[in-house]
Amino acid sequence: MMASFEVYYTDGARSDLLRLYDFLLERAQTVEDFDAAQLAIDAIKIEIESHLSRSPFIFRKAGKSPFLRELIIPFRSSGYVALYEIEDNETINVLAVRHQLEDDYH
């Protein structure tokens, strides 16, 4: 039987999602661009919740701790990266989300 994890977003991760959404909206010039902004945020959340709730240990480590990891989220020609921590055998905390072209987490 596969374990099931609850996925939670820290305040920082929620702020990151809003920051990314605002960034996309600021650059939107067409209705399609506005729709794409919402699609990007929805895709990030779907990828995070579907993958991390089932198998959080398979993604790359993000430091010395085996419990701190990163999920790469492809989206169109680029993508995003979610930093998360496996708290225990039931809980995943998403700590930060960034665009993969950003230097580091905010």
C-alpha atoms as a PDB file:
ATOM      1  CA  MET A   1       0.000   0.000   0.000  1.00  0.00           C
ATOM      2  CA  MET A   2       1.332   3.439  -0.952  1.00  0.00           C
ATOM      3  CA  ALA A   3       1.622   6.048   1.795  1.00  0.00           C
ATOM      4  CA  SER A   4      -0.443   9.179   1.519  1.00  0.00           C
ATOM      5  CA  PHE A   5       0.946  12.515   2.682  1.00  0.00           C
ATOM      6  CA  GLU A   6      -0.909  15.717   3.503  1.00  0.00           C
ATOM      7  CA  VAL A   7       0.602  18.673   1.648  1.00  0.00           C
ATOM      8  CA  TYR A   8       0.648  22.069   3.354  1.00  0.00           C
ATOM      9  CA  TYR A   9       1.904  25.432   2.096  1.00  0.00           C
ATOM     10  CA  THR A  10       3.843  27.704   4.441  1.00  0.00           C
ATOM     11  CA  ASP A  11       3.076  31.409   4.420  1.00  0.00           C
ATOM     12  CA  GLY A  12       6.268  31.900   2.422  1.00  0.00           C
ATOM     13  CA  ALA A  13       5.181  29.424  -0.247  1.00  0.00           C
ATOM     14  CA  ARG A  14       1.748  31.048  -0.520  1.00  0.00           C
ATOM     15  CA  SER A  15       3.462  34.443  -0.884  1.00  0.00           C
ATOM     16  CA  ASP A  16       5.670  32.995  -3.614  1.00  0.00           C
ATOM     17  CA  LEU A  17       2.629  31.782  -5.559  1.00  0.00           C
ATOM     18  CA  LEU A  18       1.050  35.230  -5.320  1.00  0.00           C
ATOM     19  CA  ARG A  19       4.338  36.868  -6.368  1.00  0.00           C
ATOM     20  CA  LEU A  20       4.626  34.570  -9.392  1.00  0.00           C
ATOM     21  CA  TYR A  21       0.991  35.198 -10.339  1.00  0.00           C
ATOM     22  CA  ASP A  22       1.442  38.979 -10.029  1.00  0.00           C
ATOM     23  CA  PHE A  23       4.584  38.784 -12.159  1.00  0.00           C
ATOM     24  CA  LEU A  24       2.679  36.998 -14.920  1.00  0.00           C
ATOM     25  CA  LEU A  25      -0.267  39.397 -14.712  1.00  0.00           C
ATOM     26  CA  GLU A  26       2.005  42.455 -14.933  1.00  0.00           C
ATOM     27  CA  ARG A  27       3.351  41.187 -18.242  1.00  0.00           C
ATOM     28  CA  ALA A  28       0.012  40.062 -19.650  1.00  0.00           C
ATOM     29  CA  GLN A  29      -1.022  41.838 -22.829  1.00  0.00           C
ATOM     30  CA  THR A  30      -3.845  39.647 -24.106  1.00  0.00           C
ATOM     31  CA  VAL A  31      -6.720  37.672 -22.655  1.00  0.00           C
ATOM     32  CA  GLU A  32      -4.721  34.540 -23.417  1.00  0.00           C
ATOM     33  CA  ASP A  33      -1.842  35.881 -21.296  1.00  0.00           C
ATOM     34  CA  PHE A  34      -4.212  36.410 -18.370  1.00  0.00           C
ATOM     35  CA  ASP A  35      -5.535  32.869 -18.812  1.00  0.00           C
ATOM     36  CA  ALA A  36      -1.977  31.531 -19.005  1.00  0.00           C
ATOM     37  CA  ALA A  37      -1.137  33.183 -15.668  1.00  0.00           C
ATOM     38  CA  GLN A  38      -3.946  31.285 -13.978  1.00  0.00           C
ATOM     39  CA  LEU A  39      -3.009  28.077 -15.805  1.00  0.00           C
ATOM     40  CA  ALA A  40       0.582  28.375 -14.564  1.00  0.00           C
ATOM     41  CA  ILE A  41      -0.467  28.718 -10.920  1.00  0.00           C
ATOM     42  CA  ASP A  42      -2.999  25.885 -11.265  1.00  0.00           C
ATOM     43  CA  ALA A  43      -0.342  23.653 -12.869  1.00  0.00           C
ATOM     44  CA  ILE A  44       2.097  24.359 -10.045  1.00  0.00           C
ATOM     45  CA  LYS A  45      -0.454  23.455  -7.383  1.00  0.00           C
ATOM     46  CA  ILE A  46      -1.617  20.320  -9.200  1.00  0.00           C
ATOM     47  CA  GLU A  47       1.944  19.073  -9.690  1.00  0.00           C
ATOM     48  CA  ILE A  48       2.905  19.792  -6.090  1.00  0.00           C
ATOM     49  CA  GLU A  49      -0.146  18.188  -4.549  1.00  0.00           C
ATOM     50  CA  SER A  50      -0.346  15.149  -6.808  1.00  0.00           C
ATOM     51  CA  HIS A  51       3.350  14.224  -6.687  1.00  0.00           C
ATOM     52  CA  LEU A  52       4.168  15.090  -3.109  1.00  0.00           C
ATOM     53  CA  SER A  53       1.089  13.458  -1.631  1.00  0.00           C
ATOM     54  CA  ARG A  54       2.177  10.121  -3.125  1.00  0.00           C
ATOM     55  CA  SER A  55       5.953   9.943  -3.388  1.00  0.00           C
ATOM     56  CA  PRO A  56       7.911  12.849  -1.888  1.00  0.00           C
ATOM     57  CA  PHE A  57      11.146  10.892  -1.411  1.00  0.00           C
ATOM     58  CA  ILE A  58      11.833  10.363  -5.125  1.00  0.00           C
ATOM     59  CA  PHE A  59      12.689  13.983  -5.921  1.00  0.00           C
ATOM     60  CA  ARG A  60      16.134  15.561  -5.651  1.00  0.00           C
ATOM     61  CA  LYS A  61      17.676  16.500  -2.339  1.00  0.00           C
ATOM     62  CA  ALA A  62      18.182  20.200  -1.673  1.00  0.00           C
ATOM     63  CA  GLY A  63      20.894  20.119   0.930  1.00  0.00           C
ATOM     64  CA  LYS A  64      22.384  17.767   3.461  1.00  0.00           C
ATOM     65  CA  SER A  65      19.085  16.721   5.013  1.00  0.00           C
ATOM     66  CA  PRO A  66      17.341  13.827   3.247  1.00  0.00           C
ATOM     67  CA  PHE A  67      14.047  15.488   4.182  1.00  0.00           C
ATOM     68  CA  LEU A  68      14.642  18.770   2.341  1.00  0.00           C
ATOM     69  CA  ARG A  69      13.941  18.325  -1.387  1.00  0.00           C
ATOM     70  CA  GLU A  70      12.993  20.045  -4.635  1.00  0.00           C
ATOM     71  CA  LEU A  71      10.289  19.249  -7.137  1.00  0.00           C
ATOM     72  CA  ILE A  72      10.850  20.447 -10.719  1.00  0.00           C
ATOM     73  CA  ILE A  73       7.573  21.527 -12.322  1.00  0.00           C
ATOM     74  CA  PRO A  74       7.729  21.835 -16.124  1.00  0.00           C
ATOM     75  CA  PHE A  75       5.429  24.440 -17.657  1.00  0.00           C
ATOM     76  CA  ARG A  76       5.467  25.327 -21.339  1.00  0.00           C
ATOM     77  CA  SER A  77       9.005  26.271 -22.393  1.00  0.00           C
ATOM     78  CA  SER A  78      10.233  26.799 -18.832  1.00  0.00           C
ATOM     79  CA  GLY A  79       9.091  25.750 -15.392  1.00  0.00           C
ATOM     80  CA  TYR A  80       9.116  26.173 -11.642  1.00  0.00           C
ATOM     81  CA  VAL A  81      10.842  24.653  -8.625  1.00  0.00           C
ATOM     82  CA  ALA A  82       9.173  23.888  -5.289  1.00  0.00           C
ATOM     83  CA  LEU A  83      11.278  23.519  -2.157  1.00  0.00           C
ATOM     84  CA  TYR A  84       9.644  21.237   0.391  1.00  0.00           C
ATOM     85  CA  GLU A  85      10.343  19.420   3.612  1.00  0.00           C
ATOM     86  CA  ILE A  86       9.133  15.990   4.640  1.00  0.00           C
ATOM     87  CA  GLU A  87       8.095  16.656   8.219  1.00  0.00           C
ATOM     88  CA  ASP A  88       7.024  13.148   9.179  1.00  0.00           C
ATOM     89  CA  ASN A  89       5.378  10.059   7.695  1.00  0.00           C
ATOM     90  CA  GLU A  90       2.172  12.003   7.024  1.00  0.00           C
ATOM     91  CA  THR A  91       3.135  15.635   6.400  1.00  0.00           C
ATOM     92  CA  ILE A  92       4.834  17.598   3.614  1.00  0.00           C
ATOM     93  CA  ASN A  93       5.464  21.325   3.989  1.00  0.00           C
ATOM     94  CA  VAL A  94       6.012  23.333   0.822  1.00  0.00           C
ATOM     95  CA  LEU A  95       8.482  26.009   1.898  1.00  0.00           C
ATOM     96  CA  ALA A  96       9.009  28.052  -1.276  1.00  0.00           C
ATOM     97  CA  VAL A  97       8.226  28.176  -4.984  1.00  0.00           C
ATOM     98  CA  ARG A  98      10.261  29.955  -7.640  1.00  0.00           C
ATOM     99  CA  HIS A  99      10.558  30.199 -11.384  1.00  0.00           C
ATOM    100  CA  GLN A 100      13.447  28.030 -12.518  1.00  0.00           C
ATOM    101  CA  LEU A 101      15.225  31.057 -14.027  1.00  0.00           C
ATOM    102  CA  GLU A 102      15.269  32.890 -10.677  1.00  0.00           C
ATOM    103  CA  ASP A 103      18.556  32.763  -8.816  1.00  0.00           C
ATOM    104  CA  ASP A 104      17.237  31.295  -5.595  1.00  0.00           C
ATOM    105  CA  TYR A 105      14.266  31.094  -3.322  1.00  0.00           C
ATOM    106  CA  HIS A 106      12.943  34.337  -1.824  1.00  0.00           C
END
